[in-house]
Amino acid sequence: EINQANAGAPDGTFQEEVALGRFRYADVNGDGEITADDRTRLGDPHPDFTYGLDLSMNYKNFDASLFFYGSQGNDIWNQVKWWTDFYSSFQGAKSKTALYDSWTSDNHNATAPIQENAGSTATNGVPNSYFVEDGS
């Protein structure tokens, strides 16, 4: 499976840092290679609609207010994942997902990639869809 990423690649051209449990990158432009030309926009930060509610109350010398705001139909970049899901970003913390649902040889259907002791383009070195979430 590891060498499948390099099958059919011209001599000397390989997708580096390929290993089990790491991110898989798509050949978006279909040229048979994973290069900078395969970068694409992920998600949409612009909400389909926004809504809010502002309430206030006054009585004698007492006042109270409540403000609520929301958005629907947008995507966000979760920078906290970059810090908490990869050892090289911040060695003092791990998210619950990174600790209990990372890829291992026994957990092939994990929601987080393999946990390693170094950062690389195969982990947190390159922005990818792992960090994009529903912002609604």
C-alpha atoms as a PDB file:
ATOM      1  CA  GLU A   1       0.000   0.000   0.000  1.00  0.00           C
ATOM      2  CA  ILE A   2       2.835   2.411   0.783  1.00  0.00           C
ATOM      3  CA  ASN A   3       4.497   1.977  -2.604  1.00  0.00           C
ATOM      4  CA  GLN A   4       1.146   2.367  -4.371  1.00  0.00           C
ATOM      5  CA  ALA A   5       1.523   6.155  -4.043  1.00  0.00           C
ATOM      6  CA  ASN A   6       4.681   5.963  -6.165  1.00  0.00           C
ATOM      7  CA  ALA A   7       3.482   3.367  -8.694  1.00  0.00           C
ATOM      8  CA  GLY A   8       3.819   4.698 -12.227  1.00  0.00           C
ATOM      9  CA  ALA A   9       5.769   7.768 -11.137  1.00  0.00           C
ATOM     10  CA  PRO A  10       8.666   8.778 -13.386  1.00  0.00           C
ATOM     11  CA  ASP A  11      12.062   7.492 -12.238  1.00  0.00           C
ATOM     12  CA  GLY A  12      13.288   9.476  -9.254  1.00  0.00           C
ATOM     13  CA  THR A  13       9.896  11.176  -8.640  1.00  0.00           C
ATOM     14  CA  PHE A  14       8.202  10.001  -5.484  1.00  0.00           C
ATOM     15  CA  GLN A  15       5.711  11.249  -2.925  1.00  0.00           C
ATOM     16  CA  GLU A  16       7.985  11.588   0.072  1.00  0.00           C
ATOM     17  CA  GLU A  17       7.162  10.747   3.662  1.00  0.00           C
ATOM     18  CA  VAL A  18       4.487   8.211   2.743  1.00  0.00           C
ATOM     19  CA  ALA A  19       3.740   5.869   5.644  1.00  0.00           C
ATOM     20  CA  LEU A  20       0.803   4.036   7.139  1.00  0.00           C
ATOM     21  CA  GLY A  21      -1.451   6.232   9.267  1.00  0.00           C
ATOM     22  CA  ARG A  22      -0.294   9.534   7.767  1.00  0.00           C
ATOM     23  CA  PHE A  23      -2.398  11.914   5.703  1.00  0.00           C
ATOM     24  CA  ARG A  24      -3.181  10.961   2.112  1.00  0.00           C
ATOM     25  CA  TYR A  25      -3.087  13.792  -0.380  1.00  0.00           C
ATOM     26  CA  ALA A  26      -5.253  13.775  -3.502  1.00  0.00           C
ATOM     27  CA  ASP A  27      -3.923  14.203  -7.020  1.00  0.00           C
ATOM     28  CA  VAL A  28      -6.398  17.033  -7.698  1.00  0.00           C
ATOM     29  CA  ASN A  29      -5.134  17.969 -11.168  1.00  0.00           C
ATOM     30  CA  GLY A  30      -4.813  14.334 -12.282  1.00  0.00           C
ATOM     31  CA  ASP A  31      -1.195  14.487 -13.500  1.00  0.00           C
ATOM     32  CA  GLY A  32      -0.174  11.395 -11.529  1.00  0.00           C
ATOM     33  CA  GLU A  33       1.981  13.292  -9.032  1.00  0.00           C
ATOM     34  CA  ILE A  34       1.374  15.011  -5.715  1.00  0.00           C
ATOM     35  CA  THR A  35       2.801  18.520  -6.169  1.00  0.00           C
ATOM     36  CA  ALA A  36       2.026  22.104  -5.210  1.00  0.00           C
ATOM     37  CA  ASP A  37      -0.290  22.208  -8.248  1.00  0.00           C
ATOM     38  CA  ASP A  38      -2.670  19.888  -6.382  1.00  0.00           C
ATOM     39  CA  ARG A  39      -3.520  22.529  -3.793  1.00  0.00           C
ATOM     40  CA  THR A  40      -7.167  23.544  -3.750  1.00  0.00           C
ATOM     41  CA  ARG A  41      -9.519  25.668  -1.668  1.00  0.00           C
ATOM     42  CA  LEU A  42     -11.091  23.816   1.224  1.00  0.00           C
ATOM     43  CA  GLY A  43     -14.455  24.807   2.631  1.00  0.00           C
ATOM     44  CA  ASP A  44     -16.156  28.183   2.557  1.00  0.00           C
ATOM     45  CA  PRO A  45     -15.698  30.660   5.415  1.00  0.00           C
ATOM     46  CA  HIS A  46     -18.724  32.704   4.348  1.00  0.00           C
ATOM     47  CA  PRO A  47     -21.947  31.679   6.126  1.00  0.00           C
ATOM     48  CA  ASP A  48     -25.159  31.043   4.206  1.00  0.00           C
ATOM     49  CA  PHE A  49     -26.876  33.243   6.777  1.00  0.00           C
ATOM     50  CA  THR A  50     -26.304  34.824  10.178  1.00  0.00           C
ATOM     51  CA  TYR A  51     -28.725  35.526  12.994  1.00  0.00           C
ATOM     52  CA  GLY A  52     -28.772  37.278  16.318  1.00  0.00           C
ATOM     53  CA  LEU A  53     -30.872  38.341  19.265  1.00  0.00           C
ATOM     54  CA  ASP A  54     -30.318  41.283  21.607  1.00  0.00           C
ATOM     55  CA  LEU A  55     -32.430  41.568  24.767  1.00  0.00           C
ATOM     56  CA  SER A  56     -32.197  44.119  27.537  1.00  0.00           C
ATOM     57  CA  MET A  57     -34.149  44.842  30.692  1.00  0.00           C
ATOM     58  CA  ASN A  58     -34.066  47.815  33.073  1.00  0.00           C
ATOM     59  CA  TYR A  59     -35.737  48.144  36.464  1.00  0.00           C
ATOM     60  CA  LYS A  60     -34.840  50.975  38.830  1.00  0.00           C
ATOM     61  CA  ASN A  61     -31.031  50.793  39.239  1.00  0.00           C
ATOM     62  CA  PHE A  62     -30.742  47.281  37.826  1.00  0.00           C
ATOM     63  CA  ASP A  63     -30.181  46.390  34.204  1.00  0.00           C
ATOM     64  CA  ALA A  64     -29.482  43.138  32.420  1.00  0.00           C
ATOM     65  CA  SER A  65     -28.738  42.346  28.821  1.00  0.00           C
ATOM     66  CA  LEU A  66     -28.347  39.249  26.707  1.00  0.00           C
ATOM     67  CA  PHE A  67     -26.777  39.023  23.285  1.00  0.00           C
ATOM     68  CA  PHE A  68     -26.798  35.956  21.051  1.00  0.00           C
ATOM     69  CA  TYR A  69     -25.198  35.603  17.606  1.00  0.00           C
ATOM     70  CA  GLY A  70     -24.902  32.634  15.266  1.00  0.00           C
ATOM     71  CA  SER A  71     -23.947  31.653  11.753  1.00  0.00           C
ATOM     72  CA  GLN A  72     -25.016  28.789   9.537  1.00  0.00           C
ATOM     73  CA  GLY A  73     -23.398  27.133   6.540  1.00  0.00           C
ATOM     74  CA  ASN A  74     -19.748  28.114   6.924  1.00  0.00           C
ATOM     75  CA  ASP A  75     -16.498  26.242   7.475  1.00  0.00           C
ATOM     76  CA  ILE A  76     -13.707  27.199   9.863  1.00  0.00           C
ATOM     77  CA  TRP A  77     -10.006  26.403  10.242  1.00  0.00           C
ATOM     78  CA  ASN A  78      -9.415  24.767  13.630  1.00  0.00           C
ATOM     79  CA  GLN A  79      -5.979  26.048  14.652  1.00  0.00           C
ATOM     80  CA  VAL A  80      -6.340  24.379  18.057  1.00  0.00           C
ATOM     81  CA  LYS A  81      -6.040  20.977  16.334  1.00  0.00           C
ATOM     82  CA  TRP A  82      -2.667  22.022  14.936  1.00  0.00           C
ATOM     83  CA  TRP A  83      -1.446  22.672  18.482  1.00  0.00           C
ATOM     84  CA  THR A  84      -3.066  19.754  20.299  1.00  0.00           C
ATOM     85  CA  ASP A  85      -3.040  16.851  17.827  1.00  0.00           C
ATOM     86  CA  PHE A  86       0.637  16.817  16.834  1.00  0.00           C
ATOM     87  CA  TYR A  87       3.672  16.321  19.059  1.00  0.00           C
ATOM     88  CA  SER A  88       5.917  18.776  17.246  1.00  0.00           C
ATOM     89  CA  SER A  89       3.436  21.675  17.533  1.00  0.00           C
ATOM     90  CA  PHE A  90       3.121  21.693  21.307  1.00  0.00           C
ATOM     91  CA  GLN A  91       4.640  18.876  23.287  1.00  0.00           C
ATOM     92  CA  GLY A  92       2.747  19.610  26.477  1.00  0.00           C
ATOM     93  CA  ALA A  93      -0.805  18.865  25.388  1.00  0.00           C
ATOM     94  CA  LYS A  94      -2.849  16.364  23.443  1.00  0.00           C
ATOM     95  CA  SER A  95      -6.487  16.431  22.501  1.00  0.00           C
ATOM     96  CA  LYS A  96      -8.723  13.566  23.554  1.00  0.00           C
ATOM     97  CA  THR A  97      -9.022  12.601  19.880  1.00  0.00           C
ATOM     98  CA  ALA A  98      -5.249  12.463  19.444  1.00  0.00           C
ATOM     99  CA  LEU A  99      -4.882  10.345  22.566  1.00  0.00           C
ATOM    100  CA  TYR A 100      -7.716   7.885  22.040  1.00  0.00           C
ATOM    101  CA  ASP A 101      -8.601   7.882  18.339  1.00  0.00           C
ATOM    102  CA  SER A 102      -5.300   8.092  16.461  1.00  0.00           C
ATOM    103  CA  TRP A 103      -4.323   5.641  13.758  1.00  0.00           C
ATOM    104  CA  THR A 104      -2.558   2.534  15.060  1.00  0.00           C
ATOM    105  CA  SER A 105      -1.991  -0.901  13.595  1.00  0.00           C
ATOM    106  CA  ASP A 106      -5.095  -1.978  15.550  1.00  0.00           C
ATOM    107  CA  ASN A 107      -7.207   1.119  14.772  1.00  0.00           C
ATOM    108  CA  HIS A 108      -7.336   1.628  10.997  1.00  0.00           C
ATOM    109  CA  ASN A 109     -10.602   3.624  11.106  1.00  0.00           C
ATOM    110  CA  ALA A 110      -9.295   6.361  13.415  1.00  0.00           C
ATOM    111  CA  THR A 111     -10.368   9.985  13.032  1.00  0.00           C
ATOM    112  CA  ALA A 112      -6.839  11.325  13.716  1.00  0.00           C
ATOM    113  CA  PRO A 113      -3.595  10.388  11.959  1.00  0.00           C
ATOM    114  CA  ILE A 114      -0.792   8.403  13.532  1.00  0.00           C
ATOM    115  CA  GLN A 115       0.946  10.108  16.455  1.00  0.00           C
ATOM    116  CA  GLU A 116       4.641  10.648  15.839  1.00  0.00           C
ATOM    117  CA  ASN A 117       7.469  12.448  17.632  1.00  0.00           C
ATOM    118  CA  ALA A 118       8.350  14.770  14.748  1.00  0.00           C
ATOM    119  CA  GLY A 119       6.496  17.154  12.468  1.00  0.00           C
ATOM    120  CA  SER A 120       6.600  16.793   8.702  1.00  0.00           C
ATOM    121  CA  THR A 121       4.579  17.531   5.589  1.00  0.00           C
ATOM    122  CA  ALA A 122       2.892  14.200   6.241  1.00  0.00           C
ATOM    123  CA  THR A 123       1.619  15.362   9.640  1.00  0.00           C
ATOM    124  CA  ASN A 124       1.210  19.040  10.527  1.00  0.00           C
ATOM    125  CA  GLY A 125       3.597  20.684   8.061  1.00  0.00           C
ATOM    126  CA  VAL A 126       1.068  21.303   5.286  1.00  0.00           C
ATOM    127  CA  PRO A 127      -2.492  22.665   5.636  1.00  0.00           C
ATOM    128  CA  ASN A 128      -5.121  20.049   4.756  1.00  0.00           C
ATOM    129  CA  SER A 129      -8.774  19.145   5.242  1.00  0.00           C
ATOM    130  CA  TYR A 130      -8.128  17.585   8.673  1.00  0.00           C
ATOM    131  CA  PHE A 131      -8.161  21.105  10.133  1.00  0.00           C
ATOM    132  CA  VAL A 132     -11.340  22.322   8.350  1.00  0.00           C
ATOM    133  CA  GLU A 133     -14.574  21.914  10.321  1.00  0.00           C
ATOM    134  CA  ASP A 134     -18.213  22.934  10.179  1.00  0.00           C
ATOM    135  CA  GLY A 135     -18.394  26.446  11.608  1.00  0.00           C
ATOM    136  CA  SER A 136     -22.165  26.534  12.040  1.00  0.00           C
END
